[in-house]
Amino acid sequence: MNKPNYNYAIVFYDVGEKRVAKVFKICKQYLNHYQKSVFRGHITPGNYLELKGKLKKVIDPEYDFVAFIQTISESSFHEEYIGNAGINSESTII
């Protein structure tokens, strides 16, 4: 049986204050900033491995937490919001 090809990822994290900017910058290279410490978007398997490798070099595994959720596509999961959905101010036109 073939392993599914995961092409969409959601990454969220809770890291020490000294590492927040570094983790944010790395995630921004690969995924779209979604809300606070949440990124998501299409990603190739190779870029996914690269992202994980870079994050492993920056975080403190005894203190920090980074979660990865992989799915086949953006449409293969259900998403629901309650409250402020975190509209990205970068995409808001005034």
PDB file of N, CA and C in Angstrom:
ATOM      1  N   MET A   1       0.839  -1.186   0.000  1.00  0.00           N
ATOM      2  CA  MET A   1       0.000   0.000   0.000  1.00  0.00           C
ATOM      3  C   MET A   1       0.882   1.246   0.000  1.00  0.00           C
ATOM      4  N   ASN A   2       0.597   2.187  -0.911  1.00  0.00           N
ATOM      5  CA  ASN A   2       1.376   3.405  -1.024  1.00  0.00           C
ATOM      6  C   ASN A   2       1.011   4.406   0.071  1.00  0.00           C
ATOM      7  N   LYS A   3       2.027   5.086   0.569  1.00  0.00           N
ATOM      8  CA  LYS A   3       1.810   6.146   1.559  1.00  0.00           C
ATOM      9  C   LYS A   3       1.242   7.369   0.829  1.00  0.00           C
ATOM     10  N   PRO A   4       0.223   8.035   1.394  1.00  0.00           N
ATOM     11  CA  PRO A   4      -0.343   9.207   0.731  1.00  0.00           C
ATOM     12  C   PRO A   4       0.699  10.311   0.592  1.00  0.00           C
ATOM     13  N   ASN A   5       0.561  11.116  -0.442  1.00  0.00           N
ATOM     14  CA  ASN A   5       1.456  12.233  -0.677  1.00  0.00           C
ATOM     15  C   ASN A   5       0.858  13.474  -0.022  1.00  0.00           C
ATOM     16  N   TYR A   6       1.378  13.842   1.145  1.00  0.00           N
ATOM     17  CA  TYR A   6       0.857  14.989   1.873  1.00  0.00           C
ATOM     18  C   TYR A   6       1.416  16.271   1.273  1.00  0.00           C
ATOM     19  N   ASN A   7       0.546  17.116   0.769  1.00  0.00           N
ATOM     20  CA  ASN A   7       0.958  18.344   0.107  1.00  0.00           C
ATOM     21  C   ASN A   7       0.480  19.604   0.803  1.00  0.00           C
ATOM     22  N   TYR A   8      -0.124  19.464   1.966  1.00  0.00           N
ATOM     23  CA  TYR A   8      -0.641  20.615   2.699  1.00  0.00           C
ATOM     24  C   TYR A   8      -0.301  20.424   4.168  1.00  0.00           C
ATOM     25  N   ALA A   9       0.164  21.483   4.806  1.00  0.00           N
ATOM     26  CA  ALA A   9       0.568  21.361   6.202  1.00  0.00           C
ATOM     27  C   ALA A   9       0.053  22.534   7.023  1.00  0.00           C
ATOM     28  N   ILE A  10      -0.208  22.249   8.279  1.00  0.00           N
ATOM     29  CA  ILE A  10      -0.537  23.259   9.274  1.00  0.00           C
ATOM     30  C   ILE A  10       0.521  23.125  10.361  1.00  0.00           C
ATOM     31  N   VAL A  11       1.152  24.222  10.711  1.00  0.00           N
ATOM     32  CA  VAL A  11       2.191  24.225  11.737  1.00  0.00           C
ATOM     33  C   VAL A  11       1.796  25.247  12.791  1.00  0.00           C
ATOM     34  N   PHE A  12       1.846  24.835  14.049  1.00  0.00           N
ATOM     35  CA  PHE A  12       1.632  25.791  15.129  1.00  0.00           C
ATOM     36  C   PHE A  12       2.658  25.526  16.218  1.00  0.00           C
ATOM     37  N   TYR A  13       2.979  26.584  16.969  1.00  0.00           N
ATOM     38  CA  TYR A  13       4.075  26.451  17.917  1.00  0.00           C
ATOM     39  C   TYR A  13       3.879  27.311  19.151  1.00  0.00           C
ATOM     40  N   ASP A  14       4.586  26.905  20.196  1.00  0.00           N
ATOM     41  CA  ASP A  14       4.693  27.656  21.439  1.00  0.00           C
ATOM     42  C   ASP A  14       6.156  27.531  21.850  1.00  0.00           C
ATOM     43  N   VAL A  15       6.925  28.590  21.605  1.00  0.00           N
ATOM     44  CA  VAL A  15       8.364  28.538  21.855  1.00  0.00           C
ATOM     45  C   VAL A  15       8.779  29.698  22.762  1.00  0.00           C
ATOM     46  N   GLY A  16       9.965  29.577  23.304  1.00  0.00           N
ATOM     47  CA  GLY A  16      10.501  30.610  24.178  1.00  0.00           C
ATOM     48  C   GLY A  16      10.625  31.946  23.468  1.00  0.00           C
ATOM     49  N   GLU A  17      10.504  33.003  24.236  1.00  0.00           N
ATOM     50  CA  GLU A  17      10.499  34.359  23.696  1.00  0.00           C
ATOM     51  C   GLU A  17      11.719  34.664  22.829  1.00  0.00           C
ATOM     52  N   LYS A  18      12.874  34.134  23.213  1.00  0.00           N
ATOM     53  CA  LYS A  18      14.109  34.393  22.465  1.00  0.00           C
ATOM     54  C   LYS A  18      14.098  33.743  21.085  1.00  0.00           C
ATOM     55  N   ARG A  19      13.266  32.720  20.887  1.00  0.00           N
ATOM     56  CA  ARG A  19      13.265  31.976  19.625  1.00  0.00           C
ATOM     57  C   ARG A  19      12.047  32.253  18.758  1.00  0.00           C
ATOM     58  N   VAL A  20      11.093  33.016  19.244  1.00  0.00           N
ATOM     59  CA  VAL A  20       9.851  33.261  18.501  1.00  0.00           C
ATOM     60  C   VAL A  20      10.129  33.863  17.124  1.00  0.00           C
ATOM     61  N   ALA A  21      10.945  34.888  17.056  1.00  0.00           N
ATOM     62  CA  ALA A  21      11.215  35.557  15.772  1.00  0.00           C
ATOM     63  C   ALA A  21      11.892  34.610  14.782  1.00  0.00           C
ATOM     64  N   LYS A  22      12.812  33.793  15.268  1.00  0.00           N
ATOM     65  CA  LYS A  22      13.508  32.842  14.389  1.00  0.00           C
ATOM     66  C   LYS A  22      12.539  31.801  13.835  1.00  0.00           C
ATOM     67  N   VAL A  23      11.703  31.247  14.706  1.00  0.00           N
ATOM     68  CA  VAL A  23      10.736  30.235  14.264  1.00  0.00           C
ATOM     69  C   VAL A  23       9.748  30.850  13.285  1.00  0.00           C
ATOM     70  N   PHE A  24       9.277  32.052  13.576  1.00  0.00           N
ATOM     71  CA  PHE A  24       8.352  32.752  12.679  1.00  0.00           C
ATOM     72  C   PHE A  24       8.984  32.927  11.297  1.00  0.00           C
ATOM     73  N   LYS A  25      10.225  33.395  11.263  1.00  0.00           N
ATOM     74  CA  LYS A  25      10.924  33.654   9.999  1.00  0.00           C
ATOM     75  C   LYS A  25      11.092  32.375   9.176  1.00  0.00           C
ATOM     76  N   ILE A  26      11.426  31.284   9.841  1.00  0.00           N
ATOM     77  CA  ILE A  26      11.592  30.002   9.137  1.00  0.00           C
ATOM     78  C   ILE A  26      10.257  29.539   8.562  1.00  0.00           C
ATOM     79  N   CYS A  27       9.204  29.564   9.372  1.00  0.00           N
ATOM     80  CA  CYS A  27       7.889  29.120   8.900  1.00  0.00           C
ATOM     81  C   CYS A  27       7.409  29.971   7.732  1.00  0.00           C
ATOM     82  N   LYS A  28       7.683  31.274   7.792  1.00  0.00           N
ATOM     83  CA  LYS A  28       7.243  32.216   6.748  1.00  0.00           C
ATOM     84  C   LYS A  28       7.893  31.893   5.401  1.00  0.00           C
ATOM     85  N   GLN A  29       9.060  31.258   5.413  1.00  0.00           N
ATOM     86  CA  GLN A  29       9.742  30.871   4.173  1.00  0.00           C
ATOM     87  C   GLN A  29       8.994  29.778   3.423  1.00  0.00           C
ATOM     88  N   TYR A  30       8.217  28.974   4.143  1.00  0.00           N
ATOM     89  CA  TYR A  30       7.600  27.796   3.549  1.00  0.00           C
ATOM     90  C   TYR A  30       6.069  27.829   3.503  1.00  0.00           C
ATOM     91  N   LEU A  31       5.450  28.541   4.438  1.00  0.00           N
ATOM     92  CA  LEU A  31       3.994  28.502   4.563  1.00  0.00           C
ATOM     93  C   LEU A  31       3.434  29.911   4.724  1.00  0.00           C
ATOM     94  N   ASN A  32       2.125  30.029   4.634  1.00  0.00           N
ATOM     95  CA  ASN A  32       1.452  31.314   4.811  1.00  0.00           C
ATOM     96  C   ASN A  32       1.127  31.531   6.280  1.00  0.00           C
ATOM     97  N   HIS A  33       1.400  32.750   6.748  1.00  0.00           N
ATOM     98  CA  HIS A  33       1.069  33.095   8.126  1.00  0.00           C
ATOM     99  C   HIS A  33      -0.438  33.170   8.234  1.00  0.00           C
ATOM    100  N   TYR A  34      -0.996  32.418   9.152  1.00  0.00           N
ATOM    101  CA  TYR A  34      -2.444  32.316   9.260  1.00  0.00           C
ATOM    102  C   TYR A  34      -2.976  33.112  10.443  1.00  0.00           C
ATOM    103  N   GLN A  35      -2.433  32.862  11.632  1.00  0.00           N
ATOM    104  CA  GLN A  35      -2.925  33.553  12.821  1.00  0.00           C
ATOM    105  C   GLN A  35      -1.916  33.350  13.946  1.00  0.00           C
ATOM    106  N   LYS A  36      -1.419  34.431  14.527  1.00  0.00           N
ATOM    107  CA  LYS A  36      -0.444  34.401  15.625  1.00  0.00           C
ATOM    108  C   LYS A  36       0.668  33.394  15.359  1.00  0.00           C
ATOM    109  N   SER A  37       0.702  32.271  16.024  1.00  0.00           N
ATOM    110  CA  SER A  37       1.779  31.295  15.838  1.00  0.00           C
ATOM    111  C   SER A  37       1.303  30.101  15.016  1.00  0.00           C
ATOM    112  N   VAL A  38       0.478  30.373  14.011  1.00  0.00           N
ATOM    113  CA  VAL A  38      -0.063  29.323  13.151  1.00  0.00           C
ATOM    114  C   VAL A  38       0.265  29.650  11.693  1.00  0.00           C
ATOM    115  N   PHE A  39       0.791  28.664  11.004  1.00  0.00           N
ATOM    116  CA  PHE A  39       1.093  28.776   9.575  1.00  0.00           C
ATOM    117  C   PHE A  39       0.429  27.604   8.870  1.00  0.00           C
ATOM    118  N   ARG A  40       0.095  27.809   7.601  1.00  0.00           N
ATOM    119  CA  ARG A  40      -0.449  26.696   6.827  1.00  0.00           C
ATOM    120  C   ARG A  40      -0.277  26.981   5.348  1.00  0.00           C
ATOM    121  N   GLY A  41      -0.363  25.916   4.561  1.00  0.00           N
ATOM    122  CA  GLY A  41      -0.278  26.090   3.119  1.00  0.00           C
ATOM    123  C   GLY A  41       0.241  24.851   2.417  1.00  0.00           C
ATOM    124  N   HIS A  42       0.286  24.965   1.106  1.00  0.00           N
ATOM    125  CA  HIS A  42       0.804  23.891   0.266  1.00  0.00           C
ATOM    126  C   HIS A  42       2.315  23.817   0.426  1.00  0.00           C
ATOM    127  N   ILE A  43       2.821  22.594   0.479  1.00  0.00           N
ATOM    128  CA  ILE A  43       4.257  22.396   0.659  1.00  0.00           C
ATOM    129  C   ILE A  43       4.656  21.055   0.047  1.00  0.00           C
ATOM    130  N   THR A  44       5.783  21.037  -0.616  1.00  0.00           N
ATOM    131  CA  THR A  44       6.263  19.784  -1.193  1.00  0.00           C
ATOM    132  C   THR A  44       6.853  18.917  -0.081  1.00  0.00           C
ATOM    133  N   PRO A  45       6.903  17.604  -0.293  1.00  0.00           N
ATOM    134  CA  PRO A  45       7.505  16.738   0.728  1.00  0.00           C
ATOM    135  C   PRO A  45       8.952  17.132   1.059  1.00  0.00           C
ATOM    136  N   GLY A  46       9.703  17.530   0.041  1.00  0.00           N
ATOM    137  CA  GLY A  46      11.088  17.953   0.271  1.00  0.00           C
ATOM    138  C   GLY A  46      11.172  19.214   1.114  1.00  0.00           C
ATOM    139  N   ASN A  47      10.326  20.189   0.811  1.00  0.00           N
ATOM    140  CA  ASN A  47      10.308  21.425   1.592  1.00  0.00           C
ATOM    141  C   ASN A  47       9.817  21.179   3.008  1.00  0.00           C
ATOM    142  N   TYR A  48       8.911  20.236   3.167  1.00  0.00           N
ATOM    143  CA  TYR A  48       8.424  19.880   4.499  1.00  0.00           C
ATOM    144  C   TYR A  48       9.577  19.353   5.360  1.00  0.00           C
ATOM    145  N   LEU A  49      10.377  18.471   4.802  1.00  0.00           N
ATOM    146  CA  LEU A  49      11.523  17.932   5.535  1.00  0.00           C
ATOM    147  C   LEU A  49      12.545  19.022   5.845  1.00  0.00           C
ATOM    148  N   GLU A  50      12.737  19.935   4.897  1.00  0.00           N
ATOM    149  CA  GLU A  50      13.655  21.057   5.088  1.00  0.00           C
ATOM    150  C   GLU A  50      13.165  21.968   6.227  1.00  0.00           C
ATOM    151  N   LEU A  51      11.878  22.281   6.219  1.00  0.00           N
ATOM    152  CA  LEU A  51      11.267  23.105   7.261  1.00  0.00           C
ATOM    153  C   LEU A  51      11.483  22.475   8.640  1.00  0.00           C
ATOM    154  N   LYS A  52      11.167  21.189   8.756  1.00  0.00           N
ATOM    155  CA  LYS A  52      11.339  20.494  10.033  1.00  0.00           C
ATOM    156  C   LYS A  52      12.799  20.514  10.482  1.00  0.00           C
ATOM    157  N   GLY A  53      13.699  20.294   9.562  1.00  0.00           N
ATOM    158  CA  GLY A  53      15.124  20.296   9.892  1.00  0.00           C
ATOM    159  C   GLY A  53      15.591  21.647  10.411  1.00  0.00           C
ATOM    160  N   LYS A  54      15.165  22.718   9.758  1.00  0.00           N
ATOM    161  CA  LYS A  54      15.552  24.062  10.205  1.00  0.00           C
ATOM    162  C   LYS A  54      14.976  24.375  11.588  1.00  0.00           C
ATOM    163  N   LEU A  55      13.729  23.985  11.805  1.00  0.00           N
ATOM    164  CA  LEU A  55      13.107  24.252  13.099  1.00  0.00           C
ATOM    165  C   LEU A  55      13.782  23.458  14.221  1.00  0.00           C
ATOM    166  N   LYS A  56      14.171  22.229  13.946  1.00  0.00           N
ATOM    167  CA  LYS A  56      14.855  21.406  14.950  1.00  0.00           C
ATOM    168  C   LYS A  56      16.165  22.042  15.404  1.00  0.00           C
ATOM    169  N   LYS A  57      16.824  22.775  14.488  1.00  0.00           N
ATOM    170  CA  LYS A  57      18.099  23.424  14.824  1.00  0.00           C
ATOM    171  C   LYS A  57      17.902  24.665  15.696  1.00  0.00           C
ATOM    172  N   VAL A  58      16.704  25.256  15.672  1.00  0.00           N
ATOM    173  CA  VAL A  58      16.453  26.521  16.356  1.00  0.00           C
ATOM    174  C   VAL A  58      15.784  26.341  17.716  1.00  0.00           C
ATOM    175  N   ILE A  59      14.913  25.357  17.844  1.00  0.00           N
ATOM    176  CA  ILE A  59      14.132  25.234  19.076  1.00  0.00           C
ATOM    177  C   ILE A  59      14.920  24.539  20.188  1.00  0.00           C
ATOM    178  N   ASP A  60      14.443  24.698  21.388  1.00  0.00           N
ATOM    179  CA  ASP A  60      14.944  23.966  22.546  1.00  0.00           C
ATOM    180  C   ASP A  60      13.940  22.843  22.811  1.00  0.00           C
ATOM    181  N   PRO A  61      14.273  21.596  22.486  1.00  0.00           N
ATOM    182  CA  PRO A  61      13.304  20.503  22.600  1.00  0.00           C
ATOM    183  C   PRO A  61      12.835  20.231  24.030  1.00  0.00           C
ATOM    184  N   GLU A  62      13.557  20.723  25.019  1.00  0.00           N
ATOM    185  CA  GLU A  62      13.152  20.548  26.411  1.00  0.00           C
ATOM    186  C   GLU A  62      12.097  21.575  26.833  1.00  0.00           C
ATOM    187  N   TYR A  63      12.001  22.669  26.083  1.00  0.00           N
ATOM    188  CA  TYR A  63      11.137  23.775  26.482  1.00  0.00           C
ATOM    189  C   TYR A  63      10.066  24.101  25.430  1.00  0.00           C
ATOM    190  N   ASP A  64      10.415  24.012  24.155  1.00  0.00           N
ATOM    191  CA  ASP A  64       9.544  24.460  23.064  1.00  0.00           C
ATOM    192  C   ASP A  64       8.658  23.349  22.532  1.00  0.00           C
ATOM    193  N   PHE A  65       7.607  23.772  21.842  1.00  0.00           N
ATOM    194  CA  PHE A  65       6.640  22.850  21.248  1.00  0.00           C
ATOM    195  C   PHE A  65       6.318  23.316  19.835  1.00  0.00           C
ATOM    196  N   VAL A  66       6.459  22.430  18.858  1.00  0.00           N
ATOM    197  CA  VAL A  66       6.071  22.706  17.474  1.00  0.00           C
ATOM    198  C   VAL A  66       5.259  21.513  16.993  1.00  0.00           C
ATOM    199  N   ALA A  67       4.078  21.774  16.449  1.00  0.00           N
ATOM    200  CA  ALA A  67       3.214  20.697  15.948  1.00  0.00           C
ATOM    201  C   ALA A  67       3.037  20.832  14.447  1.00  0.00           C
ATOM    202  N   PHE A  68       3.011  19.692  13.772  1.00  0.00           N
ATOM    203  CA  PHE A  68       2.822  19.625  12.329  1.00  0.00           C
ATOM    204  C   PHE A  68       1.601  18.764  12.044  1.00  0.00           C
ATOM    205  N   ILE A  69       0.684  19.279  11.279  1.00  0.00           N
ATOM    206  CA  ILE A  69      -0.454  18.493  10.815  1.00  0.00           C
ATOM    207  C   ILE A  69      -0.349  18.440   9.303  1.00  0.00           C
ATOM    208  N   GLN A  70      -0.289  17.237   8.763  1.00  0.00           N
ATOM    209  CA  GLN A  70      -0.180  17.061   7.322  1.00  0.00           C
ATOM    210  C   GLN A  70      -1.494  16.524   6.774  1.00  0.00           C
ATOM    211  N   THR A  71      -1.897  17.021   5.621  1.00  0.00           N
ATOM    212  CA  THR A  71      -3.062  16.485   4.938  1.00  0.00           C
ATOM    213  C   THR A  71      -2.760  16.434   3.447  1.00  0.00           C
ATOM    214  N   ILE A  72      -3.588  15.753   2.738  1.00  0.00           N
ATOM    215  CA  ILE A  72      -3.380  15.591   1.307  1.00  0.00           C
ATOM    216  C   ILE A  72      -3.627  16.901   0.566  1.00  0.00           C
ATOM    217  N   SER A  73      -4.629  17.657   0.989  1.00  0.00           N
ATOM    218  CA  SER A  73      -4.915  18.938   0.349  1.00  0.00           C
ATOM    219  C   SER A  73      -5.661  19.839   1.313  1.00  0.00           C
ATOM    220  N   GLU A  74      -5.773  21.090   0.944  1.00  0.00           N
ATOM    221  CA  GLU A  74      -6.482  22.069   1.765  1.00  0.00           C
ATOM    222  C   GLU A  74      -7.944  21.685   1.956  1.00  0.00           C
ATOM    223  N   SER A  75      -8.518  20.999   0.991  1.00  0.00           N
ATOM    224  CA  SER A  75      -9.935  20.650   1.051  1.00  0.00           C
ATOM    225  C   SER A  75     -10.209  19.304   1.731  1.00  0.00           C
ATOM    226  N   SER A  76      -9.169  18.639   2.235  1.00  0.00           N
ATOM    227  CA  SER A  76      -9.380  17.315   2.820  1.00  0.00           C
ATOM    228  C   SER A  76      -9.618  17.340   4.326  1.00  0.00           C
ATOM    229  N   PHE A  77      -9.887  18.508   4.883  1.00  0.00           N
ATOM    230  CA  PHE A  77     -10.231  18.593   6.295  1.00  0.00           C
ATOM    231  C   PHE A  77     -11.303  19.663   6.482  1.00  0.00           C
ATOM    232  N   HIS A  78     -11.997  19.576   7.589  1.00  0.00           N
ATOM    233  CA  HIS A  78     -13.059  20.539   7.897  1.00  0.00           C
ATOM    234  C   HIS A  78     -12.517  21.559   8.887  1.00  0.00           C
ATOM    235  N   GLU A  79     -12.864  22.812   8.664  1.00  0.00           N
ATOM    236  CA  GLU A  79     -12.395  23.886   9.524  1.00  0.00           C
ATOM    237  C   GLU A  79     -13.589  24.713   9.968  1.00  0.00           C
ATOM    238  N   GLU A  80     -13.623  25.075  11.226  1.00  0.00           N
ATOM    239  CA  GLU A  80     -14.736  25.841  11.776  1.00  0.00           C
ATOM    240  C   GLU A  80     -14.177  26.878  12.740  1.00  0.00           C
ATOM    241  N   TYR A  81     -14.804  28.040  12.806  1.00  0.00           N
ATOM    242  CA  TYR A  81     -14.322  29.117  13.668  1.00  0.00           C
ATOM    243  C   TYR A  81     -15.391  29.546  14.642  1.00  0.00           C
ATOM    244  N   ILE A  82     -14.935  29.990  15.792  1.00  0.00           N
ATOM    245  CA  ILE A  82     -15.783  30.672  16.759  1.00  0.00           C
ATOM    246  C   ILE A  82     -14.992  31.901  17.187  1.00  0.00           C
ATOM    247  N   GLY A  83     -15.584  33.065  17.116  1.00  0.00           N
ATOM    248  CA  GLY A  83     -14.886  34.290  17.495  1.00  0.00           C
ATOM    249  C   GLY A  83     -14.061  34.839  16.351  1.00  0.00           C
ATOM    250  N   ASN A  84     -13.066  35.634  16.689  1.00  0.00           N
ATOM    251  CA  ASN A  84     -12.224  36.297  15.700  1.00  0.00           C
ATOM    252  C   ASN A  84     -11.394  35.261  14.953  1.00  0.00           C
ATOM    253  N   ALA A  85     -11.616  35.160  13.669  1.00  0.00           N
ATOM    254  CA  ALA A  85     -10.921  34.166  12.853  1.00  0.00           C
ATOM    255  C   ALA A  85      -9.505  34.596  12.523  1.00  0.00           C
ATOM    256  N   GLY A  86      -9.057  35.726  13.069  1.00  0.00           N
ATOM    257  CA  GLY A  86      -7.675  36.154  12.858  1.00  0.00           C
ATOM    258  C   GLY A  86      -7.423  36.624  11.453  1.00  0.00           C
ATOM    259  N   ILE A  87      -8.201  37.562  10.980  1.00  0.00           N
ATOM    260  CA  ILE A  87      -8.009  38.085   9.626  1.00  0.00           C
ATOM    261  C   ILE A  87      -6.601  38.641   9.539  1.00  0.00           C
ATOM    262  N   ASN A  88      -5.864  38.187   8.537  1.00  0.00           N
ATOM    263  CA  ASN A  88      -4.491  38.586   8.352  1.00  0.00           C
ATOM    264  C   ASN A  88      -4.445  40.046   7.936  1.00  0.00           C
ATOM    265  N   SER A  89      -3.842  40.899   8.759  1.00  0.00           N
ATOM    266  CA  SER A  89      -3.799  42.325   8.474  1.00  0.00           C
ATOM    267  C   SER A  89      -2.998  42.626   7.210  1.00  0.00           C
ATOM    268  N   GLU A  90      -2.081  41.720   6.818  1.00  0.00           N
ATOM    269  CA  GLU A  90      -1.286  41.932   5.608  1.00  0.00           C
ATOM    270  C   GLU A  90      -2.160  41.882   4.365  1.00  0.00           C
ATOM    271  N   SER A  91      -3.276  41.151   4.425  1.00  0.00           N
ATOM    272  CA  SER A  91      -4.118  41.012   3.243  1.00  0.00           C
ATOM    273  C   SER A  91      -5.325  41.953   3.267  1.00  0.00           C
ATOM    274  N   THR A  92      -5.438  42.748   4.315  1.00  0.00           N
ATOM    275  CA  THR A  92      -6.556  43.679   4.427  1.00  0.00           C
ATOM    276  C   THR A  92      -6.232  44.965   3.685  1.00  0.00           C
ATOM    277  N   ILE A  93      -7.123  45.369   2.803  1.00  0.00           N
ATOM    278  CA  ILE A  93      -6.936  46.614   2.050  1.00  0.00           C
ATOM    279  C   ILE A  93      -7.858  47.669   2.625  1.00  0.00           C
ATOM    280  N   ILE A  94      -7.288  48.801   2.947  1.00  0.00           N
ATOM    281  CA  ILE A  94      -8.090  49.889   3.538  1.00  0.00           C
ATOM    282  C   ILE A  94      -8.335  50.951   2.493  1.00  0.00           C
TER     283      ILE A  94
END
